[in-house]
PDB file of N, CA and C in Angstrom:
ATOM      1  N   MET A   1       5.425   5.848  -4.730  1.00  0.00           N
ATOM      2  CA  MET A   1       4.728   6.952  -5.388  1.00  0.00           C
ATOM      3  C   MET A   1       3.592   7.407  -4.466  1.00  0.00           C
ATOM      4  N   ASP A   2       3.488   8.665  -4.234  1.00  0.00           N
ATOM      5  CA  ASP A   2       2.492   9.192  -3.301  1.00  0.00           C
ATOM      6  C   ASP A   2       1.286   9.808  -4.001  1.00  0.00           C
ATOM      7  N   ALA A   3       1.165   9.587  -5.283  1.00  0.00           N
ATOM      8  CA  ALA A   3       0.031  10.125  -6.037  1.00  0.00           C
ATOM      9  C   ALA A   3      -1.193   9.240  -5.844  1.00  0.00           C
ATOM     10  N   ILE A   4      -2.365   9.884  -5.763  1.00  0.00           N
ATOM     11  CA  ILE A   4      -3.628   9.162  -5.605  1.00  0.00           C
ATOM     12  C   ILE A   4      -4.682   9.752  -6.527  1.00  0.00           C
ATOM     13  N   VAL A   5      -5.748   8.987  -6.740  1.00  0.00           N
ATOM     14  CA  VAL A   5      -6.948   9.472  -7.406  1.00  0.00           C
ATOM     15  C   VAL A   5      -8.074   9.323  -6.392  1.00  0.00           C
ATOM     16  N   ILE A   6      -8.816  10.390  -6.185  1.00  0.00           N
ATOM     17  CA  ILE A   6      -9.969  10.344  -5.295  1.00  0.00           C
ATOM     18  C   ILE A   6     -11.213  10.316  -6.159  1.00  0.00           C
ATOM     19  N   TYR A   7     -12.076   9.324  -5.906  1.00  0.00           N
ATOM     20  CA  TYR A   7     -13.374   9.240  -6.577  1.00  0.00           C
ATOM     21  C   TYR A   7     -14.416   9.881  -5.683  1.00  0.00           C
ATOM     22  N   CYS A   8     -15.252  10.702  -6.295  1.00  0.00           N
ATOM     23  CA  CYS A   8     -16.353  11.343  -5.579  1.00  0.00           C
ATOM     24  C   CYS A   8     -17.503  11.530  -6.558  1.00  0.00           C
ATOM     25  N   THR A   9     -18.674  10.999  -6.216  1.00  0.00           N
ATOM     26  CA  THR A   9     -19.845  11.228  -7.053  1.00  0.00           C
ATOM     27  C   THR A   9     -20.613  12.430  -6.525  1.00  0.00           C
ATOM     28  N   VAL A  10     -21.155  13.212  -7.455  1.00  0.00           N
ATOM     29  CA  VAL A  10     -21.936  14.408  -7.109  1.00  0.00           C
ATOM     30  C   VAL A  10     -23.236  14.391  -7.912  1.00  0.00           C
ATOM     31  N   PRO A  11     -24.261  15.123  -7.428  1.00  0.00           N
ATOM     32  CA  PRO A  11     -25.577  15.034  -8.063  1.00  0.00           C
ATOM     33  C   PRO A  11     -25.737  15.818  -9.360  1.00  0.00           C
ATOM     34  N   ASP A  12     -24.915  16.878  -9.558  1.00  0.00           N
ATOM     35  CA  ASP A  12     -25.133  17.711 -10.746  1.00  0.00           C
ATOM     36  C   ASP A  12     -23.871  18.474 -11.143  1.00  0.00           C
ATOM     37  N   LYS A  13     -23.953  19.126 -12.317  1.00  0.00           N
ATOM     38  CA  LYS A  13     -22.799  19.842 -12.865  1.00  0.00           C
ATOM     39  C   LYS A  13     -22.377  21.035 -12.015  1.00  0.00           C
ATOM     40  N   ARG A  14     -23.330  21.691 -11.385  1.00  0.00           N
ATOM     41  CA  ARG A  14     -22.988  22.857 -10.562  1.00  0.00           C
ATOM     42  C   ARG A  14     -22.078  22.453  -9.407  1.00  0.00           C
ATOM     43  N   ILE A  15     -22.444  21.403  -8.715  1.00  0.00           N
ATOM     44  CA  ILE A  15     -21.628  20.916  -7.600  1.00  0.00           C
ATOM     45  C   ILE A  15     -20.288  20.404  -8.122  1.00  0.00           C
ATOM     46  N   ALA A  16     -20.308  19.690  -9.245  1.00  0.00           N
ATOM     47  CA  ALA A  16     -19.068  19.180  -9.840  1.00  0.00           C
ATOM     48  C   ALA A  16     -18.105  20.319 -10.135  1.00  0.00           C
ATOM     49  N   GLN A  17     -18.599  21.388 -10.746  1.00  0.00           N
ATOM     50  CA  GLN A  17     -17.748  22.524 -11.080  1.00  0.00           C
ATOM     51  C   GLN A  17     -17.270  23.260  -9.835  1.00  0.00           C
ATOM     52  N   GLU A  18     -18.137  23.407  -8.854  1.00  0.00           N
ATOM     53  CA  GLU A  18     -17.767  24.113  -7.624  1.00  0.00           C
ATOM     54  C   GLU A  18     -16.622  23.389  -6.904  1.00  0.00           C
ATOM     55  N   ILE A  19     -16.753  22.093  -6.748  1.00  0.00           N
ATOM     56  CA  ILE A  19     -15.707  21.314  -6.081  1.00  0.00           C
ATOM     57  C   ILE A  19     -14.434  21.301  -6.916  1.00  0.00           C
ATOM     58  N   SER A  20     -14.565  21.048  -8.218  1.00  0.00           N
ATOM     59  CA  SER A  20     -13.398  20.964  -9.104  1.00  0.00           C
ATOM     60  C   SER A  20     -12.603  22.262  -9.107  1.00  0.00           C
ATOM     61  N   LYS A  21     -13.291  23.368  -9.301  1.00  0.00           N
ATOM     62  CA  LYS A  21     -12.603  24.661  -9.363  1.00  0.00           C
ATOM     63  C   LYS A  21     -11.925  24.997  -8.047  1.00  0.00           C
ATOM     64  N   TYR A  22     -12.590  24.718  -6.935  1.00  0.00           N
ATOM     65  CA  TYR A  22     -11.997  25.013  -5.630  1.00  0.00           C
ATOM     66  C   TYR A  22     -10.703  24.216  -5.444  1.00  0.00           C
ATOM     67  N   LEU A  23     -10.750  22.925  -5.735  1.00  0.00           N
ATOM     68  CA  LEU A  23      -9.584  22.072  -5.511  1.00  0.00           C
ATOM     69  C   LEU A  23      -8.400  22.471  -6.379  1.00  0.00           C
ATOM     70  N   VAL A  24      -8.644  22.797  -7.643  1.00  0.00           N
ATOM     71  CA  VAL A  24      -7.547  23.186  -8.540  1.00  0.00           C
ATOM     72  C   VAL A  24      -7.043  24.593  -8.188  1.00  0.00           C
ATOM     73  N   LYS A  25      -7.958  25.517  -7.929  1.00  0.00           N
ATOM     74  CA  LYS A  25      -7.569  26.889  -7.587  1.00  0.00           C
ATOM     75  C   LYS A  25      -6.686  26.935  -6.344  1.00  0.00           C
ATOM     76  N   HIS A  26      -6.987  26.099  -5.361  1.00  0.00           N
ATOM     77  CA  HIS A  26      -6.234  26.099  -4.110  1.00  0.00           C
ATOM     78  C   HIS A  26      -5.097  25.066  -4.109  1.00  0.00           C
ATOM     79  N   HIS A  27      -4.757  24.556  -5.286  1.00  0.00           N
ATOM     80  CA  HIS A  27      -3.636  23.627  -5.483  1.00  0.00           C
ATOM     81  C   HIS A  27      -3.735  22.380  -4.616  1.00  0.00           C
ATOM     82  N   LEU A  28      -4.967  21.944  -4.354  1.00  0.00           N
ATOM     83  CA  LEU A  28      -5.171  20.685  -3.649  1.00  0.00           C
ATOM     84  C   LEU A  28      -5.208  19.519  -4.630  1.00  0.00           C
ATOM     85  N   ALA A  29      -5.535  19.809  -5.887  1.00  0.00           N
ATOM     86  CA  ALA A  29      -5.559  18.801  -6.948  1.00  0.00           C
ATOM     87  C   ALA A  29      -4.914  19.376  -8.197  1.00  0.00           C
ATOM     88  N   ALA A  30      -4.217  18.517  -8.931  1.00  0.00           N
ATOM     89  CA  ALA A  30      -3.620  18.947 -10.190  1.00  0.00           C
ATOM     90  C   ALA A  30      -4.674  19.001 -11.288  1.00  0.00           C
ATOM     91  N   CYS A  31      -5.640  18.087 -11.207  1.00  0.00           N
ATOM     92  CA  CYS A  31      -6.668  17.967 -12.235  1.00  0.00           C
ATOM     93  C   CYS A  31      -7.875  17.259 -11.638  1.00  0.00           C
ATOM     94  N   VAL A  32      -9.054  17.680 -12.079  1.00  0.00           N
ATOM     95  CA  VAL A  32     -10.281  16.971 -11.720  1.00  0.00           C
ATOM     96  C   VAL A  32     -11.033  16.690 -13.017  1.00  0.00           C
ATOM     97  N   SER A  33     -11.254  15.424 -13.293  1.00  0.00           N
ATOM     98  CA  SER A  33     -12.023  15.022 -14.472  1.00  0.00           C
ATOM     99  C   SER A  33     -13.430  14.668 -14.025  1.00  0.00           C
ATOM    100  N   ALA A  34     -14.421  15.147 -14.763  1.00  0.00           N
ATOM    101  CA  ALA A  34     -15.824  14.877 -14.444  1.00  0.00           C
ATOM    102  C   ALA A  34     -16.419  13.989 -15.527  1.00  0.00           C
ATOM    103  N   ILE A  35     -16.935  12.851 -15.112  1.00  0.00           N
ATOM    104  CA  ILE A  35     -17.561  11.912 -16.031  1.00  0.00           C
ATOM    105  C   ILE A  35     -19.060  11.970 -15.775  1.00  0.00           C
ATOM    106  N   ASP A  36     -19.786  12.461 -16.766  1.00  0.00           N
ATOM    107  CA  ASP A  36     -21.233  12.672 -16.643  1.00  0.00           C
ATOM    108  C   ASP A  36     -21.992  11.374 -16.911  1.00  0.00           C
ATOM    109  N   LYS A  37     -23.217  11.358 -16.456  1.00  0.00           N
ATOM    110  CA  LYS A  37     -24.173  10.274 -16.722  1.00  0.00           C
ATOM    111  C   LYS A  37     -23.751   8.932 -16.135  1.00  0.00           C
ATOM    112  N   VAL A  38     -23.217   8.983 -14.925  1.00  0.00           N
ATOM    113  CA  VAL A  38     -22.921   7.765 -14.185  1.00  0.00           C
ATOM    114  C   VAL A  38     -24.209   7.358 -13.482  1.00  0.00           C
ATOM    115  N   GLU A  39     -24.554   6.093 -13.536  1.00  0.00           N
ATOM    116  CA  GLU A  39     -25.742   5.614 -12.834  1.00  0.00           C
ATOM    117  C   GLU A  39     -25.300   4.793 -11.634  1.00  0.00           C
ATOM    118  N   SER A  40     -25.666   5.261 -10.452  1.00  0.00           N
ATOM    119  CA  SER A  40     -25.294   4.571  -9.214  1.00  0.00           C
ATOM    120  C   SER A  40     -26.508   3.854  -8.639  1.00  0.00           C
ATOM    121  N   VAL A  41     -26.300   2.618  -8.229  1.00  0.00           N
ATOM    122  CA  VAL A  41     -27.334   1.828  -7.564  1.00  0.00           C
ATOM    123  C   VAL A  41     -26.783   1.499  -6.182  1.00  0.00           C
ATOM    124  N   PHE A  42     -27.561   1.803  -5.140  1.00  0.00           N
ATOM    125  CA  PHE A  42     -27.086   1.609  -3.778  1.00  0.00           C
ATOM    126  C   PHE A  42     -28.267   1.463  -2.821  1.00  0.00           C
ATOM    127  N   SER A  43     -27.974   0.980  -1.640  1.00  0.00           N
ATOM    128  CA  SER A  43     -28.990   0.847  -0.602  1.00  0.00           C
ATOM    129  C   SER A  43     -28.865   2.031   0.353  1.00  0.00           C
ATOM    130  N   TRP A  44     -30.003   2.678   0.647  1.00  0.00           N
ATOM    131  CA  TRP A  44     -30.008   3.808   1.583  1.00  0.00           C
ATOM    132  C   TRP A  44     -31.241   3.693   2.464  1.00  0.00           C
ATOM    133  N   ASP A  45     -31.035   3.657   3.757  1.00  0.00           N
ATOM    134  CA  ASP A  45     -32.121   3.498   4.722  1.00  0.00           C
ATOM    135  C   ASP A  45     -33.004   2.293   4.402  1.00  0.00           C
ATOM    136  N   GLY A  46     -32.359   1.202   3.987  1.00  0.00           N
ATOM    137  CA  GLY A  46     -33.088  -0.029   3.711  1.00  0.00           C
ATOM    138  C   GLY A  46     -33.810  -0.075   2.379  1.00  0.00           C
ATOM    139  N   GLU A  47     -33.684   0.970   1.593  1.00  0.00           N
ATOM    140  CA  GLU A  47     -34.341   1.039   0.281  1.00  0.00           C
ATOM    141  C   GLU A  47     -33.303   0.991  -0.839  1.00  0.00           C
ATOM    142  N   MET A  48     -33.668   0.320  -1.944  1.00  0.00           N
ATOM    143  CA  MET A  48     -32.814   0.297  -3.123  1.00  0.00           C
ATOM    144  C   MET A  48     -32.992   1.620  -3.860  1.00  0.00           C
ATOM    145  N   GLU A  49     -31.886   2.314  -4.108  1.00  0.00           N
ATOM    146  CA  GLU A  49     -31.902   3.619  -4.773  1.00  0.00           C
ATOM    147  C   GLU A  49     -31.139   3.545  -6.084  1.00  0.00           C
ATOM    148  N   LYS A  50     -31.528   4.407  -7.026  1.00  0.00           N
ATOM    149  CA  LYS A  50     -30.817   4.539  -8.300  1.00  0.00           C
ATOM    150  C   LYS A  50     -30.759   6.032  -8.615  1.00  0.00           C
ATOM    151  N   GLU A  51     -29.552   6.549  -8.853  1.00  0.00           N
ATOM    152  CA  GLU A  51     -29.373   7.980  -9.116  1.00  0.00           C
ATOM    153  C   GLU A  51     -28.457   8.200 -10.308  1.00  0.00           C
ATOM    154  N   LYS A  52     -28.770   9.220 -11.080  1.00  0.00           N
ATOM    155  CA  LYS A  52     -27.852   9.700 -12.119  1.00  0.00           C
ATOM    156  C   LYS A  52     -26.899  10.662 -11.427  1.00  0.00           C
ATOM    157  N   GLU A  53     -25.607  10.450 -11.596  1.00  0.00           N
ATOM    158  CA  GLU A  53     -24.613  11.278 -10.931  1.00  0.00           C
ATOM    159  C   GLU A  53     -23.478  11.620 -11.885  1.00  0.00           C
ATOM    160  N   ILE A  54     -22.574  12.444 -11.390  1.00  0.00           N
ATOM    161  CA  ILE A  54     -21.337  12.773 -12.088  1.00  0.00           C
ATOM    162  C   ILE A  54     -20.201  12.250 -11.220  1.00  0.00           C
ATOM    163  N   LEU A  55     -19.269  11.532 -11.824  1.00  0.00           N
ATOM    164  CA  LEU A  55     -18.114  11.002 -11.107  1.00  0.00           C
ATOM    165  C   LEU A  55     -16.939  11.952 -11.266  1.00  0.00           C
ATOM    166  N   LEU A  56     -16.412  12.428 -10.151  1.00  0.00           N
ATOM    167  CA  LEU A  56     -15.197  13.240 -10.171  1.00  0.00           C
ATOM    168  C   LEU A  56     -14.003  12.330  -9.923  1.00  0.00           C
ATOM    169  N   MET A  57     -12.981  12.487 -10.761  1.00  0.00           N
ATOM    170  CA  MET A  57     -11.707  11.791 -10.577  1.00  0.00           C
ATOM    171  C   MET A  57     -10.684  12.880 -10.256  1.00  0.00           C
ATOM    172  N   ILE A  58     -10.284  12.934  -8.999  1.00  0.00           N
ATOM    173  CA  ILE A  58      -9.436  14.007  -8.482  1.00  0.00           C
ATOM    174  C   ILE A  58      -8.003  13.484  -8.368  1.00  0.00           C
ATOM    175  N   LYS A  59      -7.089  14.061  -9.165  1.00  0.00           N
ATOM    176  CA  LYS A  59      -5.693  13.619  -9.146  1.00  0.00           C
ATOM    177  C   LYS A  59      -4.898  14.534  -8.217  1.00  0.00           C
ATOM    178  N   THR A  60      -4.254  13.913  -7.217  1.00  0.00           N
ATOM    179  CA  THR A  60      -3.585  14.680  -6.175  1.00  0.00           C
ATOM    180  C   THR A  60      -2.509  13.842  -5.510  1.00  0.00           C
ATOM    181  N   LEU A  61      -2.016  14.320  -4.377  1.00  0.00           N
ATOM    182  CA  LEU A  61      -1.062  13.581  -3.558  1.00  0.00           C
ATOM    183  C   LEU A  61      -1.746  13.121  -2.274  1.00  0.00           C
ATOM    184  N   ARG A  62      -1.283  12.024  -1.730  1.00  0.00           N
ATOM    185  CA  ARG A  62      -1.857  11.453  -0.518  1.00  0.00           C
ATOM    186  C   ARG A  62      -1.895  12.474   0.626  1.00  0.00           C
ATOM    187  N   THR A  63      -0.912  13.351   0.692  1.00  0.00           N
ATOM    188  CA  THR A  63      -0.848  14.338   1.775  1.00  0.00           C
ATOM    189  C   THR A  63      -2.012  15.332   1.733  1.00  0.00           C
ATOM    190  N   ASN A  64      -2.702  15.428   0.603  1.00  0.00           N
ATOM    191  CA  ASN A  64      -3.837  16.356   0.477  1.00  0.00           C
ATOM    192  C   ASN A  64      -5.185  15.700   0.774  1.00  0.00           C
ATOM    193  N   PHE A  65      -5.197  14.390   1.051  1.00  0.00           N
ATOM    194  CA  PHE A  65      -6.472  13.693   1.189  1.00  0.00           C
ATOM    195  C   PHE A  65      -7.376  14.320   2.253  1.00  0.00           C
ATOM    196  N   GLU A  66      -6.866  14.552   3.433  1.00  0.00           N
ATOM    197  CA  GLU A  66      -7.713  15.068   4.511  1.00  0.00           C
ATOM    198  C   GLU A  66      -8.297  16.438   4.174  1.00  0.00           C
ATOM    199  N   LYS A  67      -7.494  17.315   3.586  1.00  0.00           N
ATOM    200  CA  LYS A  67      -7.998  18.642   3.198  1.00  0.00           C
ATOM    201  C   LYS A  67      -9.081  18.521   2.134  1.00  0.00           C
ATOM    202  N   ILE A  68      -8.853  17.653   1.159  1.00  0.00           N
ATOM    203  CA  ILE A  68      -9.840  17.447   0.097  1.00  0.00           C
ATOM    204  C   ILE A  68     -11.114  16.839   0.668  1.00  0.00           C
ATOM    205  N   ARG A  69     -10.974  15.863   1.545  1.00  0.00           N
ATOM    206  CA  ARG A  69     -12.145  15.268   2.203  1.00  0.00           C
ATOM    207  C   ARG A  69     -12.967  16.337   2.918  1.00  0.00           C
ATOM    208  N   ASP A  70     -12.281  17.267   3.609  1.00  0.00           N
ATOM    209  CA  ASP A  70     -12.980  18.328   4.334  1.00  0.00           C
ATOM    210  C   ASP A  70     -13.683  19.292   3.380  1.00  0.00           C
ATOM    211  N   VAL A  71     -13.020  19.645   2.276  1.00  0.00           N
ATOM    212  CA  VAL A  71     -13.626  20.540   1.283  1.00  0.00           C
ATOM    213  C   VAL A  71     -14.872  19.893   0.689  1.00  0.00           C
ATOM    214  N   ILE A  72     -14.750  18.628   0.291  1.00  0.00           N
ATOM    215  CA  ILE A  72     -15.898  17.926  -0.289  1.00  0.00           C
ATOM    216  C   ILE A  72     -17.039  17.862   0.728  1.00  0.00           C
ATOM    217  N   SER A  73     -16.725  17.530   1.948  1.00  0.00           N
ATOM    218  CA  SER A  73     -17.766  17.450   2.986  1.00  0.00           C
ATOM    219  C   SER A  73     -18.486  18.777   3.177  1.00  0.00           C
ATOM    220  N   ASP A  74     -17.746  19.887   3.075  1.00  0.00           N
ATOM    221  CA  ASP A  74     -18.340  21.219   3.230  1.00  0.00           C
ATOM    222  C   ASP A  74     -19.211  21.617   2.038  1.00  0.00           C
ATOM    223  N   LEU A  75     -18.804  21.246   0.821  1.00  0.00           N
ATOM    224  CA  LEU A  75     -19.488  21.702  -0.397  1.00  0.00           C
ATOM    225  C   LEU A  75     -20.531  20.715  -0.919  1.00  0.00           C
ATOM    226  N   HIS A  76     -20.487  19.492  -0.459  1.00  0.00           N
ATOM    227  CA  HIS A  76     -21.329  18.422  -1.002  1.00  0.00           C
ATOM    228  C   HIS A  76     -22.696  18.393  -0.329  1.00  0.00           C
ATOM    229  N   PRO A  77     -23.767  18.223  -1.092  1.00  0.00           N
ATOM    230  CA  PRO A  77     -25.104  18.204  -0.498  1.00  0.00           C
ATOM    231  C   PRO A  77     -25.500  16.874   0.151  1.00  0.00           C
ATOM    232  N   TYR A  78     -24.788  15.781  -0.155  1.00  0.00           N
ATOM    233  CA  TYR A  78     -25.156  14.484   0.411  1.00  0.00           C
ATOM    234  C   TYR A  78     -24.759  14.403   1.881  1.00  0.00           C
ATOM    235  N   ASN A  79     -25.528  13.641   2.666  1.00  0.00           N
ATOM    236  CA  ASN A  79     -25.176  13.375   4.061  1.00  0.00           C
ATOM    237  C   ASN A  79     -23.897  12.551   4.165  1.00  0.00           C
ATOM    238  N   VAL A  80     -23.745  11.606   3.233  1.00  0.00           N
ATOM    239  CA  VAL A  80     -22.578  10.724   3.222  1.00  0.00           C
ATOM    240  C   VAL A  80     -22.006  10.689   1.803  1.00  0.00           C
ATOM    241  N   PRO A  81     -21.191  11.683   1.449  1.00  0.00           N
ATOM    242  CA  PRO A  81     -20.631  11.677   0.097  1.00  0.00           C
ATOM    243  C   PRO A  81     -19.581  10.571  -0.075  1.00  0.00           C
ATOM    244  N   GLU A  82     -19.512  10.055  -1.286  1.00  0.00           N
ATOM    245  CA  GLU A  82     -18.470   9.076  -1.622  1.00  0.00           C
ATOM    246  C   GLU A  82     -17.151   9.817  -1.750  1.00  0.00           C
ATOM    247  N   ILE A  83     -16.175   9.432  -0.944  1.00  0.00           N
ATOM    248  CA  ILE A  83     -14.831  10.002  -1.013  1.00  0.00           C
ATOM    249  C   ILE A  83     -13.869   8.838  -0.847  1.00  0.00           C
ATOM    250  N   ILE A  84     -13.400   8.300  -1.966  1.00  0.00           N
ATOM    251  CA  ILE A  84     -12.582   7.089  -1.972  1.00  0.00           C
ATOM    252  C   ILE A  84     -11.251   7.392  -2.643  1.00  0.00           C
ATOM    253  N   ALA A  85     -10.149   7.102  -1.955  1.00  0.00           N
ATOM    254  CA  ALA A  85      -8.819   7.327  -2.526  1.00  0.00           C
ATOM    255  C   ALA A  85      -8.214   6.009  -2.991  1.00  0.00           C
ATOM    256  N   LEU A  86      -7.686   6.031  -4.195  1.00  0.00           N
ATOM    257  CA  LEU A  86      -6.993   4.879  -4.766  1.00  0.00           C
ATOM    258  C   LEU A  86      -5.570   5.296  -5.114  1.00  0.00           C
ATOM    259  N   PRO A  87      -4.587   4.449  -4.842  1.00  0.00           N
ATOM    260  CA  PRO A  87      -3.213   4.809  -5.183  1.00  0.00           C
ATOM    261  C   PRO A  87      -2.988   4.746  -6.689  1.00  0.00           C
ATOM    262  N   ILE A  88      -2.168   5.644  -7.176  1.00  0.00           N
ATOM    263  CA  ILE A  88      -1.676   5.546  -8.547  1.00  0.00           C
ATOM    264  C   ILE A  88      -0.395   4.728  -8.441  1.00  0.00           C
ATOM    265  N   VAL A  89      -0.431   3.502  -8.902  1.00  0.00           N
ATOM    266  CA  VAL A  89       0.714   2.618  -8.718  1.00  0.00           C
ATOM    267  C   VAL A  89       1.822   2.879  -9.731  1.00  0.00           C
ATOM    268  N   ASP A  90       1.459   3.503 -10.846  1.00  0.00           N
ATOM    269  CA  ASP A  90       2.464   3.842 -11.847  1.00  0.00           C
ATOM    270  C   ASP A  90       1.882   4.857 -12.809  1.00  0.00           C
ATOM    271  N   CYS A  91       2.701   5.723 -13.323  1.00  0.00           N
ATOM    272  CA  CYS A  91       2.320   6.668 -14.376  1.00  0.00           C
ATOM    273  C   CYS A  91       3.607   7.198 -15.000  1.00  0.00           C
ATOM    274  N   SER A  92       3.461   7.968 -16.050  1.00  0.00           N
ATOM    275  CA  SER A  92       4.661   8.490 -16.704  1.00  0.00           C
ATOM    276  C   SER A  92       5.392   9.450 -15.764  1.00  0.00           C
ATOM    277  N   LYS A  93       6.670   9.493 -15.894  1.00  0.00           N
ATOM    278  CA  LYS A  93       7.510  10.386 -15.079  1.00  0.00           C
ATOM    279  C   LYS A  93       7.064  11.830 -15.267  1.00  0.00           C
ATOM    280  N   GLU A  94       6.763  12.193 -16.505  1.00  0.00           N
ATOM    281  CA  GLU A  94       6.368  13.567 -16.814  1.00  0.00           C
ATOM    282  C   GLU A  94       5.043  13.940 -16.140  1.00  0.00           C
ATOM    283  N   TYR A  95       4.070  13.021 -16.187  1.00  0.00           N
ATOM    284  CA  TYR A  95       2.778  13.291 -15.548  1.00  0.00           C
ATOM    285  C   TYR A  95       2.956  13.425 -14.041  1.00  0.00           C
ATOM    286  N   HIS A  96       3.727  12.541 -13.448  1.00  0.00           N
ATOM    287  CA  HIS A  96       3.969  12.586 -12.010  1.00  0.00           C
ATOM    288  C   HIS A  96       4.635  13.904 -11.615  1.00  0.00           C
ATOM    289  N   GLN A  97       5.625  14.340 -12.380  1.00  0.00           N
ATOM    290  CA  GLN A  97       6.296  15.614 -12.097  1.00  0.00           C
ATOM    291  C   GLN A  97       5.313  16.778 -12.218  1.00  0.00           C
ATOM    292  N   TRP A  98       4.466  16.764 -13.249  1.00  0.00           N
ATOM    293  CA  TRP A  98       3.466  17.819 -13.429  1.00  0.00           C
ATOM    294  C   TRP A  98       2.495  17.841 -12.253  1.00  0.00           C
ATOM    295  N   LEU A  99       2.011  16.663 -11.856  1.00  0.00           N
ATOM    296  CA  LEU A  99       1.074  16.566 -10.740  1.00  0.00           C
ATOM    297  C   LEU A  99       1.684  17.172  -9.476  1.00  0.00           C
ATOM    298  N   ILE A 100       2.907  16.786  -9.162  1.00  0.00           N
ATOM    299  CA  ILE A 100       3.573  17.324  -7.975  1.00  0.00           C
ATOM    300  C   ILE A 100       3.725  18.837  -8.089  1.00  0.00           C
ATOM    301  N   HIS A 101       4.133  19.314  -9.246  1.00  0.00           N
ATOM    302  CA  HIS A 101       4.306  20.757  -9.438  1.00  0.00           C
ATOM    303  C   HIS A 101       3.014  21.514  -9.194  1.00  0.00           C
ATOM    304  N   GLU A 102       1.902  21.002  -9.697  1.00  0.00           N
ATOM    305  CA  GLU A 102       0.615  21.699  -9.585  1.00  0.00           C
ATOM    306  C   GLU A 102       0.068  21.744  -8.170  1.00  0.00           C
ATOM    307  N   VAL A 103       0.326  20.744  -7.374  1.00  0.00           N
ATOM    308  CA  VAL A 103      -0.230  20.735  -6.020  1.00  0.00           C
ATOM    309  C   VAL A 103       0.735  21.268  -4.959  1.00  0.00           C
ATOM    310  N   GLN A 104       1.949  21.606  -5.373  1.00  0.00           N
ATOM    311  CA  GLN A 104       2.902  22.130  -4.399  1.00  0.00           C
ATOM    312  C   GLN A 104       3.281  23.575  -4.656  1.00  0.00           C
ATOM    313  N   HIS A 105       2.349  24.357  -5.185  1.00  0.00           N
ATOM    314  CA  HIS A 105       2.600  25.797  -5.377  1.00  0.00           C
ATOM    315  C   HIS A 105       2.674  26.497  -4.048  1.00  0.00           C
TER     316      HIS A 105
END
């Protein structure tokens, strides 16, 4: 199965909507789900940081990863945005067919 989910955290709803709409409009993703009020704790420049963020779950195919990574890098305000791809190891046949249909227009 070549379907993946890309996780990307963003700082606010405006950025979340901008990235989500671009990816779906250009058939790079079948769906982008935004989960609000994620709290991220991480180390940056030797300091402990805590940020409220929005988590994007981008459902797509592995062949679109590089294009999506480039789009996120262009639209994202962070110096080092989180762009992590995880394989979808199984899903319903119908969902998989829909996903492929949406990203292969």
